[in-house]
Amino acid sequence: MGCPHGEVRIGGGIFNLIFRNRASRSCLGAASLLIALCGFSSPASAAAGPDCSRPYTLALHDHGLLYSAATDTGIDKDFADELIRRSGCKVNVSLMSRARIWQLIESGALDFSLSGISNRDREQFASFAWYFSNKYYLLVRKDSGITRLEDFTRNERFQLGVIRSFRYSDNANKLVDRLSAANRVSLAGGLEPLYEALLLNRIQGMIMEPFDYPAVQEKRIRDVTSIISFNDPSVPHGLIMSKKALPPAEQEKWRALVDAMLADGTVRKIFEKYFNPELAASMVEFQSKP
């Protein structure tokens, strides 16, 4: 099958039948029975799905293959479209910085965002429905002298660039916190300013994940950088739900929609549009947090 315009493939290719029952006769009794059955099942069906009595809000953030504002495409865009379709609710989608998203989720002014990771602070005001996991890596300039994590103790001039309000895996977070305490972290609103700072040698490293692969493979970046693994387990990412905006029962209904998208292979198909099948499978087949 061909690759639709705007899709990105990394390392490999991109891998409803509607059954219509046609009645041959019309019977008033049968019609009455059908109406009665529909009337009987409707309340149960409505109860199973989210409450659509009000419009919801969902914010995307511009971040590599997760979402590109320039093309209005990405994994989170595809995921949001399908989630909204299945919910049957009106959801207003907007674009925000990650820092702003967390602020509004905490205040209850924003219902949802995507591809979020949890920590102790965030769990006070947000709940999550996991749909993938990934590892984090350190992208460093080759001339920085950093070839392993232990080298940071020997290079006191190394500056790390991170996106404002982002958290990562355990060892990555420890590195960020340690360098922050030493005034050796530069904050940016997104990936592009970090790439530019890295190329200009204003920072010597930044933290990356698989969604950043296309940019990292550009010759201007590839020629001057190398990648170091943090050797941390994959970190679950999920639908972010504001606890102030959504009561626990509604959070569970949205979580059920996400779980169904995982179970029927929809999430995996979305990821296979952007990654090779092996990497896509490794990201969506994960051990969920309890």
C-alpha atoms as a PDB file:
ATOM      1  CA  MET A   1       0.000   0.000   0.000  1.00  0.00           C
ATOM      2  CA  GLY A   2       1.278   3.483  -0.835  1.00  0.00           C
ATOM      3  CA  CYS A   3       2.368   5.979   1.733  1.00  0.00           C
ATOM      4  CA  PRO A   4      -0.131   8.861   2.066  1.00  0.00           C
ATOM      5  CA  HIS A   5       1.210  12.361   1.605  1.00  0.00           C
ATOM      6  CA  GLY A   6       2.809  13.802   4.722  1.00  0.00           C
ATOM      7  CA  GLU A   7       3.703  10.484   6.375  1.00  0.00           C
ATOM      8  CA  VAL A   8       7.258   9.794   7.493  1.00  0.00           C
ATOM      9  CA  ARG A   9       8.782   6.335   7.425  1.00  0.00           C
ATOM     10  CA  ILE A  10      11.751   5.369   9.565  1.00  0.00           C
ATOM     11  CA  GLY A  11      13.588   2.161   8.787  1.00  0.00           C
ATOM     12  CA  GLY A  12      10.860   0.467   6.777  1.00  0.00           C
ATOM     13  CA  GLY A  13       7.525   0.584   4.983  1.00  0.00           C
ATOM     14  CA  ILE A  14       3.999   1.392   6.241  1.00  0.00           C
ATOM     15  CA  PHE A  15       2.299  -1.592   6.867  1.00  0.00           C
ATOM     16  CA  ASN A  16     -14.645  -1.185   7.624  1.00  0.00           C
ATOM     17  CA  LEU A  17     -16.119  -3.803   6.200  1.00  0.00           C
ATOM     18  CA  ILE A  18     -19.704  -2.603   6.840  1.00  0.00           C
ATOM     19  CA  PHE A  19     -22.144  -5.461   6.972  1.00  0.00           C
ATOM     20  CA  ARG A  20     -25.569  -4.416   5.943  1.00  0.00           C
ATOM     21  CA  ASN A  21     -28.460  -6.710   6.766  1.00  0.00           C
ATOM     22  CA  ARG A  22     -31.163  -6.287   4.191  1.00  0.00           C
ATOM     23  CA  ALA A  23     -34.590  -7.294   5.337  1.00  0.00           C
ATOM     24  CA  SER A  24     -36.733  -8.933   2.713  1.00  0.00           C
ATOM     25  CA  ARG A  25     -39.948  -8.222   4.470  1.00  0.00           C
ATOM     26  CA  SER A  26     -41.493  -5.558   6.613  1.00  0.00           C
ATOM     27  CA  CYS A  27     -43.418  -6.568   9.726  1.00  0.00           C
ATOM     28  CA  LEU A  28     -44.960  -4.177  12.159  1.00  0.00           C
ATOM     29  CA  GLY A  29     -44.417  -6.589  15.036  1.00  0.00           C
ATOM     30  CA  ALA A  30     -40.736  -7.019  14.170  1.00  0.00           C
ATOM     31  CA  ALA A  31     -40.290  -3.273  13.795  1.00  0.00           C
ATOM     32  CA  SER A  32     -41.894  -2.711  17.164  1.00  0.00           C
ATOM     33  CA  LEU A  33     -39.601  -5.309  18.725  1.00  0.00           C
ATOM     34  CA  LEU A  34     -36.545  -3.640  17.148  1.00  0.00           C
ATOM     35  CA  ILE A  35     -37.569  -0.247  18.513  1.00  0.00           C
ATOM     36  CA  ALA A  36     -38.121  -1.756  21.947  1.00  0.00           C
ATOM     37  CA  LEU A  37     -34.725  -3.452  21.902  1.00  0.00           C
ATOM     38  CA  CYS A  38     -32.982  -0.255  20.793  1.00  0.00           C
ATOM     39  CA  GLY A  39     -34.753   1.677  23.491  1.00  0.00           C
ATOM     40  CA  PHE A  40     -33.726  -0.913  26.034  1.00  0.00           C
ATOM     41  CA  SER A  41     -30.043  -0.922  25.026  1.00  0.00           C
ATOM     42  CA  SER A  42     -29.502   2.802  24.499  1.00  0.00           C
ATOM     43  CA  PRO A  43     -29.112   3.788  28.172  1.00  0.00           C
ATOM     44  CA  ALA A  44     -26.565   1.020  28.708  1.00  0.00           C
ATOM     45  CA  SER A  45     -24.607   2.092  25.623  1.00  0.00           C
ATOM     46  CA  ALA A  46     -24.644   5.729  26.709  1.00  0.00           C
ATOM     47  CA  ALA A  47     -23.489   4.761  30.184  1.00  0.00           C
ATOM     48  CA  ALA A  48     -20.531   2.819  28.762  1.00  0.00           C
ATOM     49  CA  GLY A  49     -19.048   5.784  26.892  1.00  0.00           C
ATOM     50  CA  PRO A  50     -17.832   9.200  28.072  1.00  0.00           C
ATOM     51  CA  ASP A  51     -20.288  11.893  29.051  1.00  0.00           C
ATOM     52  CA  CYS A  52     -20.620  14.070  25.932  1.00  0.00           C
ATOM     53  CA  SER A  53     -22.910  16.658  27.513  1.00  0.00           C
ATOM     54  CA  ARG A  54     -20.188  19.310  27.192  1.00  0.00           C
ATOM     55  CA  PRO A  55     -17.349  19.991  24.742  1.00  0.00           C
ATOM     56  CA  TYR A  56     -13.859  18.983  25.847  1.00  0.00           C
ATOM     57  CA  THR A  57     -10.443  20.518  25.215  1.00  0.00           C
ATOM     58  CA  LEU A  58      -7.264  18.737  24.118  1.00  0.00           C
ATOM     59  CA  ALA A  59      -3.865  20.311  23.465  1.00  0.00           C
ATOM     60  CA  LEU A  60      -1.102  18.990  21.216  1.00  0.00           C
ATOM     61  CA  HIS A  61       2.513  20.110  21.437  1.00  0.00           C
ATOM     62  CA  ASP A  62       4.924  20.470  18.524  1.00  0.00           C
ATOM     63  CA  HIS A  63       7.484  17.708  18.948  1.00  0.00           C
ATOM     64  CA  GLY A  64       9.062  15.749  16.121  1.00  0.00           C
ATOM     65  CA  LEU A  65       7.014  12.796  14.897  1.00  0.00           C
ATOM     66  CA  LEU A  66       4.478  13.235  17.697  1.00  0.00           C
ATOM     67  CA  TYR A  67       3.104  16.347  16.057  1.00  0.00           C
ATOM     68  CA  SER A  68       4.317  18.825  13.456  1.00  0.00           C
ATOM     69  CA  ALA A  69       2.488  22.142  13.390  1.00  0.00           C
ATOM     70  CA  ALA A  70       4.008  22.830   9.970  1.00  0.00           C
ATOM     71  CA  THR A  71       2.261  19.842   8.372  1.00  0.00           C
ATOM     72  CA  ASP A  72      -0.529  19.224  10.905  1.00  0.00           C
ATOM     73  CA  THR A  73       0.508  15.571  11.047  1.00  0.00           C
ATOM     74  CA  GLY A  74       1.941  13.178  13.592  1.00  0.00           C
ATOM     75  CA  ILE A  75       1.332  10.243  15.887  1.00  0.00           C
ATOM     76  CA  ASP A  76      -0.566  12.282  18.475  1.00  0.00           C
ATOM     77  CA  LYS A  77      -2.703  13.917  15.786  1.00  0.00           C
ATOM     78  CA  ASP A  78      -3.704  10.489  14.437  1.00  0.00           C
ATOM     79  CA  PHE A  79      -4.277   9.194  17.954  1.00  0.00           C
ATOM     80  CA  ALA A  80      -6.420  12.199  18.900  1.00  0.00           C
ATOM     81  CA  ASP A  81      -8.551  11.899  15.755  1.00  0.00           C
ATOM     82  CA  GLU A  82      -9.350   8.258  16.480  1.00  0.00           C
ATOM     83  CA  LEU A  83      -9.927   8.822  20.200  1.00  0.00           C
ATOM     84  CA  ILE A  84     -12.346  11.656  19.470  1.00  0.00           C
ATOM     85  CA  ARG A  85     -14.164   9.582  16.842  1.00  0.00           C
ATOM     86  CA  ARG A  86     -14.650   6.704  19.263  1.00  0.00           C
ATOM     87  CA  SER A  87     -15.785   8.937  22.096  1.00  0.00           C
ATOM     88  CA  GLY A  88     -18.551  10.542  20.060  1.00  0.00           C
ATOM     89  CA  CYS A  89     -17.865  13.785  21.938  1.00  0.00           C
ATOM     90  CA  LYS A  90     -16.985  17.251  20.665  1.00  0.00           C
ATOM     91  CA  VAL A  91     -13.347  17.933  21.475  1.00  0.00           C
ATOM     92  CA  ASN A  92     -11.663  21.237  20.630  1.00  0.00           C
ATOM     93  CA  VAL A  93      -8.024  20.613  19.715  1.00  0.00           C
ATOM     94  CA  SER A  94      -5.367  23.327  20.039  1.00  0.00           C
ATOM     95  CA  LEU A  95      -1.575  23.713  20.003  1.00  0.00           C
ATOM     96  CA  MET A  96       0.336  24.779  23.138  1.00  0.00           C
ATOM     97  CA  SER A  97       3.781  24.615  24.660  1.00  0.00           C
ATOM     98  CA  ARG A  98       4.361  21.698  27.018  1.00  0.00           C
ATOM     99  CA  ALA A  99       4.845  24.024  29.981  1.00  0.00           C
ATOM    100  CA  ARG A 100       1.487  25.718  29.332  1.00  0.00           C
ATOM    101  CA  ILE A 101      -0.233  22.347  28.937  1.00  0.00           C
ATOM    102  CA  TRP A 102       0.839  21.180  32.389  1.00  0.00           C
ATOM    103  CA  GLN A 103      -0.256  24.478  33.950  1.00  0.00           C
ATOM    104  CA  LEU A 104      -3.748  24.227  32.451  1.00  0.00           C
ATOM    105  CA  ILE A 105      -4.110  20.525  33.233  1.00  0.00           C
ATOM    106  CA  GLU A 106      -3.325  21.318  36.871  1.00  0.00           C
ATOM    107  CA  SER A 107      -5.820  24.189  37.029  1.00  0.00           C
ATOM    108  CA  GLY A 108      -8.558  22.212  35.285  1.00  0.00           C
ATOM    109  CA  ALA A 109      -8.762  24.667  32.378  1.00  0.00           C
ATOM    110  CA  LEU A 110      -7.607  21.934  29.965  1.00  0.00           C
ATOM    111  CA  ASP A 111      -9.139  18.452  29.885  1.00  0.00           C
ATOM    112  CA  PHE A 112      -6.590  16.426  27.923  1.00  0.00           C
ATOM    113  CA  SER A 113      -3.191  16.273  26.337  1.00  0.00           C
ATOM    114  CA  LEU A 114      -1.179  13.403  24.889  1.00  0.00           C
ATOM    115  CA  SER A 115       2.122  11.511  25.230  1.00  0.00           C
ATOM    116  CA  GLY A 116       2.564  12.583  28.854  1.00  0.00           C
ATOM    117  CA  ILE A 117       4.699  10.864  31.485  1.00  0.00           C
ATOM    118  CA  SER A 118       3.961  10.849  35.185  1.00  0.00           C
ATOM    119  CA  ASN A 119       5.896  11.675  38.301  1.00  0.00           C
ATOM    120  CA  ARG A 120       4.928  12.191  41.930  1.00  0.00           C
ATOM    121  CA  ASP A 121       4.034  15.860  41.443  1.00  0.00           C
ATOM    122  CA  ARG A 122       1.982  15.345  38.297  1.00  0.00           C
ATOM    123  CA  GLU A 123       0.002  12.491  39.827  1.00  0.00           C
ATOM    124  CA  GLN A 124      -1.470  14.995  42.276  1.00  0.00           C
ATOM    125  CA  PHE A 125      -3.429  16.714  39.499  1.00  0.00           C
ATOM    126  CA  ALA A 126      -3.389  14.384  36.476  1.00  0.00           C
ATOM    127  CA  SER A 127      -4.202  10.794  35.654  1.00  0.00           C
ATOM    128  CA  PHE A 128      -2.995   8.855  32.637  1.00  0.00           C
ATOM    129  CA  ALA A 129      -4.060   6.242  30.107  1.00  0.00           C
ATOM    130  CA  TRP A 130      -0.883   4.654  28.738  1.00  0.00           C
ATOM    131  CA  TYR A 131      -0.543   3.889  25.030  1.00  0.00           C
ATOM    132  CA  PHE A 132       3.203   3.635  24.362  1.00  0.00           C
ATOM    133  CA  SER A 133       6.614   3.677  25.997  1.00  0.00           C
ATOM    134  CA  ASN A 134      10.043   4.740  24.803  1.00  0.00           C
ATOM    135  CA  LYS A 135      13.638   5.160  25.898  1.00  0.00           C
ATOM    136  CA  TYR A 136      15.636   8.382  26.127  1.00  0.00           C
ATOM    137  CA  TYR A 137      19.094   9.093  24.750  1.00  0.00           C
ATOM    138  CA  LEU A 138      21.709  11.812  25.054  1.00  0.00           C
ATOM    139  CA  LEU A 139      22.660  13.579  21.838  1.00  0.00           C
ATOM    140  CA  VAL A 140      26.100  15.181  22.279  1.00  0.00           C
ATOM    141  CA  ARG A 141      28.531  17.086  20.105  1.00  0.00           C
ATOM    142  CA  LYS A 142      31.445  14.891  19.052  1.00  0.00           C
ATOM    143  CA  ASP A 143      33.911  17.607  20.048  1.00  0.00           C
ATOM    144  CA  SER A 144      32.552  17.761  23.620  1.00  0.00           C
ATOM    145  CA  GLY A 145      34.698  14.857  24.776  1.00  0.00           C
ATOM    146  CA  ILE A 146      31.621  13.085  26.170  1.00  0.00           C
ATOM    147  CA  THR A 147      31.430   9.418  25.147  1.00  0.00           C
ATOM    148  CA  ARG A 148      29.711   8.002  28.247  1.00  0.00           C
ATOM    149  CA  LEU A 149      27.672   9.364  31.139  1.00  0.00           C
ATOM    150  CA  GLU A 150      30.613   9.221  33.527  1.00  0.00           C
ATOM    151  CA  ASP A 151      32.473  11.817  31.442  1.00  0.00           C
ATOM    152  CA  PHE A 152      30.274  14.648  32.761  1.00  0.00           C
ATOM    153  CA  THR A 153      32.254  14.788  35.970  1.00  0.00           C
ATOM    154  CA  ARG A 154      35.382  15.656  33.932  1.00  0.00           C
ATOM    155  CA  ASN A 155      33.894  18.357  31.713  1.00  0.00           C
ATOM    156  CA  GLU A 156      32.640  21.260  33.792  1.00  0.00           C
ATOM    157  CA  ARG A 157      31.932  23.409  30.747  1.00  0.00           C
ATOM    158  CA  PHE A 158      29.359  21.037  29.265  1.00  0.00           C
ATOM    159  CA  GLN A 159      25.951  22.729  28.877  1.00  0.00           C
ATOM    160  CA  LEU A 160      22.815  20.605  28.468  1.00  0.00           C
ATOM    161  CA  GLY A 161      19.740  21.830  26.612  1.00  0.00           C
ATOM    162  CA  VAL A 162      16.252  20.684  27.652  1.00  0.00           C
ATOM    163  CA  ILE A 163      12.675  21.620  26.807  1.00  0.00           C
ATOM    164  CA  ARG A 164      10.996  23.625  29.543  1.00  0.00           C
ATOM    165  CA  SER A 165       8.847  21.421  31.896  1.00  0.00           C
ATOM    166  CA  PHE A 166       9.994  18.149  30.275  1.00  0.00           C
ATOM    167  CA  ARG A 167      10.883  15.152  32.419  1.00  0.00           C
ATOM    168  CA  TYR A 168      12.535  11.990  31.186  1.00  0.00           C
ATOM    169  CA  SER A 169      13.740   8.594  32.458  1.00  0.00           C
ATOM    170  CA  ASP A 170      15.408   8.148  35.865  1.00  0.00           C
ATOM    171  CA  ASN A 171      19.061   8.595  34.887  1.00  0.00           C
ATOM    172  CA  ALA A 172      18.184  11.359  32.445  1.00  0.00           C
ATOM    173  CA  ASN A 173      16.286  13.220  35.171  1.00  0.00           C
ATOM    174  CA  LYS A 174      19.204  12.799  37.578  1.00  0.00           C
ATOM    175  CA  LEU A 175      21.558  14.285  35.013  1.00  0.00           C
ATOM    176  CA  VAL A 176      19.226  17.222  34.358  1.00  0.00           C
ATOM    177  CA  ASP A 177      18.814  17.896  38.091  1.00  0.00           C
ATOM    178  CA  ARG A 178      22.543  17.668  38.768  1.00  0.00           C
ATOM    179  CA  LEU A 179      23.463  20.017  35.942  1.00  0.00           C
ATOM    180  CA  SER A 180      20.607  22.389  36.829  1.00  0.00           C
ATOM    181  CA  ALA A 181      21.980  22.715  40.340  1.00  0.00           C
ATOM    182  CA  ALA A 182      25.334  23.684  38.778  1.00  0.00           C
ATOM    183  CA  ASN A 183      23.732  26.250  36.412  1.00  0.00           C
ATOM    184  CA  ARG A 184      24.616  24.128  33.411  1.00  0.00           C
ATOM    185  CA  VAL A 185      21.158  23.673  31.830  1.00  0.00           C
ATOM    186  CA  SER A 186      19.657  25.863  29.089  1.00  0.00           C
ATOM    187  CA  LEU A 187      15.869  25.819  28.682  1.00  0.00           C
ATOM    188  CA  ALA A 188      13.994  26.079  25.392  1.00  0.00           C
ATOM    189  CA  GLY A 189      10.375  25.967  24.296  1.00  0.00           C
ATOM    190  CA  GLY A 190      10.860  23.179  21.758  1.00  0.00           C
ATOM    191  CA  LEU A 191      13.250  21.046  19.759  1.00  0.00           C
ATOM    192  CA  GLU A 192      14.232  23.477  17.006  1.00  0.00           C
ATOM    193  CA  PRO A 193      15.896  26.064  19.297  1.00  0.00           C
ATOM    194  CA  LEU A 194      17.847  23.215  20.905  1.00  0.00           C
ATOM    195  CA  TYR A 195      19.113  21.919  17.562  1.00  0.00           C
ATOM    196  CA  GLU A 196      20.251  25.418  16.609  1.00  0.00           C
ATOM    197  CA  ALA A 197      21.979  25.944  19.963  1.00  0.00           C
ATOM    198  CA  LEU A 198      23.699  22.577  19.578  1.00  0.00           C
ATOM    199  CA  LEU A 199      24.973  23.420  16.094  1.00  0.00           C
ATOM    200  CA  LEU A 200      26.229  26.814  17.329  1.00  0.00           C
ATOM    201  CA  ASN A 201      27.975  25.083  20.261  1.00  0.00           C
ATOM    202  CA  ARG A 202      25.980  27.108  22.792  1.00  0.00           C
ATOM    203  CA  ILE A 203      24.983  23.782  24.298  1.00  0.00           C
ATOM    204  CA  GLN A 204      26.962  20.575  23.918  1.00  0.00           C
ATOM    205  CA  GLY A 205      24.158  18.086  24.402  1.00  0.00           C
ATOM    206  CA  MET A 206      20.405  17.526  24.568  1.00  0.00           C
ATOM    207  CA  ILE A 207      18.070  14.676  25.470  1.00  0.00           C
ATOM    208  CA  MET A 208      16.289  12.948  22.602  1.00  0.00           C
ATOM    209  CA  GLU A 209      13.792  10.156  21.956  1.00  0.00           C
ATOM    210  CA  PRO A 210      12.699   8.178  18.869  1.00  0.00           C
ATOM    211  CA  PHE A 211      10.327  10.944  17.714  1.00  0.00           C
ATOM    212  CA  ASP A 212      13.382  13.115  17.067  1.00  0.00           C
ATOM    213  CA  TYR A 213      15.036  10.645  14.655  1.00  0.00           C
ATOM    214  CA  PRO A 214      14.256  12.495  11.390  1.00  0.00           C
ATOM    215  CA  ALA A 215      15.878  15.727  12.552  1.00  0.00           C
ATOM    216  CA  VAL A 216      18.861  13.927  14.094  1.00  0.00           C
ATOM    217  CA  GLN A 217      19.461  12.127  10.791  1.00  0.00           C
ATOM    218  CA  GLU A 218      19.822  15.421   8.920  1.00  0.00           C
ATOM    219  CA  LYS A 219      23.410  15.679   7.707  1.00  0.00           C
ATOM    220  CA  ARG A 220      24.114  18.982   9.478  1.00  0.00           C
ATOM    221  CA  ILE A 221      23.273  17.370  12.841  1.00  0.00           C
ATOM    222  CA  ARG A 222      24.442  13.814  12.172  1.00  0.00           C
ATOM    223  CA  ASP A 223      27.944  14.909  11.164  1.00  0.00           C
ATOM    224  CA  VAL A 224      28.689  16.706  14.448  1.00  0.00           C
ATOM    225  CA  THR A 225      26.910  14.527  17.018  1.00  0.00           C
ATOM    226  CA  SER A 226      26.871  11.092  18.594  1.00  0.00           C
ATOM    227  CA  ILE A 227      24.266   9.296  20.714  1.00  0.00           C
ATOM    228  CA  ILE A 228      24.747   7.914  24.242  1.00  0.00           C
ATOM    229  CA  SER A 229      22.224   5.619  25.922  1.00  0.00           C
ATOM    230  CA  PHE A 230      21.012   6.272  29.463  1.00  0.00           C
ATOM    231  CA  ASN A 231      20.429   2.514  29.908  1.00  0.00           C
ATOM    232  CA  ASP A 232      17.072   3.193  31.567  1.00  0.00           C
ATOM    233  CA  PRO A 233      13.932   1.120  31.053  1.00  0.00           C
ATOM    234  CA  SER A 234      11.327   2.454  28.633  1.00  0.00           C
ATOM    235  CA  VAL A 235       9.053   5.109  30.131  1.00  0.00           C
ATOM    236  CA  PRO A 236       5.253   4.801  29.674  1.00  0.00           C
ATOM    237  CA  HIS A 237       3.528   7.733  27.956  1.00  0.00           C
ATOM    238  CA  GLY A 238      -0.185   8.322  27.793  1.00  0.00           C
ATOM    239  CA  LEU A 239      -3.306  10.394  27.515  1.00  0.00           C
ATOM    240  CA  ILE A 240      -3.138  13.096  30.200  1.00  0.00           C
ATOM    241  CA  MET A 241      -6.430  13.746  32.015  1.00  0.00           C
ATOM    242  CA  SER A 242      -7.014  16.648  34.365  1.00  0.00           C
ATOM    243  CA  LYS A 243      -8.325  15.467  37.724  1.00  0.00           C
ATOM    244  CA  LYS A 244      -9.951  18.853  38.296  1.00  0.00           C
ATOM    245  CA  ALA A 245     -11.807  18.735  34.994  1.00  0.00           C
ATOM    246  CA  LEU A 246     -12.794  15.051  34.931  1.00  0.00           C
ATOM    247  CA  PRO A 247     -14.288  13.014  37.791  1.00  0.00           C
ATOM    248  CA  PRO A 248     -12.764   9.537  38.380  1.00  0.00           C
ATOM    249  CA  ALA A 249     -15.659   7.729  36.661  1.00  0.00           C
ATOM    250  CA  GLU A 250     -15.145   9.780  33.481  1.00  0.00           C
ATOM    251  CA  GLN A 251     -11.384   9.232  33.588  1.00  0.00           C
ATOM    252  CA  GLU A 252     -12.059   5.485  33.559  1.00  0.00           C
ATOM    253  CA  LYS A 253     -14.308   5.797  30.498  1.00  0.00           C
ATOM    254  CA  TRP A 254     -11.614   7.617  28.537  1.00  0.00           C
ATOM    255  CA  ARG A 255      -9.017   5.129  29.771  1.00  0.00           C
ATOM    256  CA  ALA A 256     -11.223   2.319  28.454  1.00  0.00           C
ATOM    257  CA  LEU A 257     -11.224   3.930  24.998  1.00  0.00           C
ATOM    258  CA  VAL A 258      -7.424   4.061  25.001  1.00  0.00           C
ATOM    259  CA  ASP A 259      -7.175   0.451  26.195  1.00  0.00           C
ATOM    260  CA  ALA A 260      -9.505  -0.624  23.363  1.00  0.00           C
ATOM    261  CA  MET A 261      -7.351   1.177  20.793  1.00  0.00           C
ATOM    262  CA  LEU A 262      -4.334  -0.727  22.097  1.00  0.00           C
ATOM    263  CA  ALA A 263      -6.143  -4.062  22.215  1.00  0.00           C
ATOM    264  CA  ASP A 264      -7.485  -3.936  18.659  1.00  0.00           C
ATOM    265  CA  GLY A 265      -4.150  -2.910  17.130  1.00  0.00           C
ATOM    266  CA  THR A 266      -5.138   0.655  16.238  1.00  0.00           C
ATOM    267  CA  VAL A 267      -2.280   2.251  18.184  1.00  0.00           C
ATOM    268  CA  ARG A 268       0.240  -0.115  16.617  1.00  0.00           C
ATOM    269  CA  LYS A 269      -1.026   0.747  13.119  1.00  0.00           C
ATOM    270  CA  ILE A 270      -0.605   4.448  13.874  1.00  0.00           C
ATOM    271  CA  PHE A 271       2.982   3.927  15.023  1.00  0.00           C
ATOM    272  CA  GLU A 272       3.778   1.806  11.957  1.00  0.00           C
ATOM    273  CA  LYS A 273       3.053   4.850   9.789  1.00  0.00           C
ATOM    274  CA  TYR A 274       6.091   6.547  11.314  1.00  0.00           C
ATOM    275  CA  PHE A 275       8.435   3.739  12.433  1.00  0.00           C
ATOM    276  CA  ASN A 276       9.445   0.335  11.130  1.00  0.00           C
ATOM    277  CA  PRO A 277       7.241  -2.517  12.425  1.00  0.00           C
ATOM    278  CA  GLU A 278       9.806  -3.789  14.930  1.00  0.00           C
ATOM    279  CA  LEU A 279      10.305  -0.422  16.618  1.00  0.00           C
ATOM    280  CA  ALA A 280       6.577   0.305  16.510  1.00  0.00           C
ATOM    281  CA  ALA A 281       5.841  -3.010  18.225  1.00  0.00           C
ATOM    282  CA  SER A 282       8.456  -2.400  20.922  1.00  0.00           C
ATOM    283  CA  MET A 283       6.880   0.960  21.733  1.00  0.00           C
ATOM    284  CA  VAL A 284       3.232  -0.099  21.958  1.00  0.00           C
ATOM    285  CA  GLU A 285       3.681  -3.570  23.489  1.00  0.00           C
ATOM    286  CA  PHE A 286       4.763  -2.580  26.967  1.00  0.00           C
ATOM    287  CA  GLN A 287       4.167  -3.394  30.614  1.00  0.00           C
ATOM    288  CA  SER A 288       1.680  -0.797  31.786  1.00  0.00           C
ATOM    289  CA  LYS A 289       2.069   0.891  35.133  1.00  0.00           C
ATOM    290  CA  PRO A 290      -0.303  -0.422  37.849  1.00  0.00           C
END
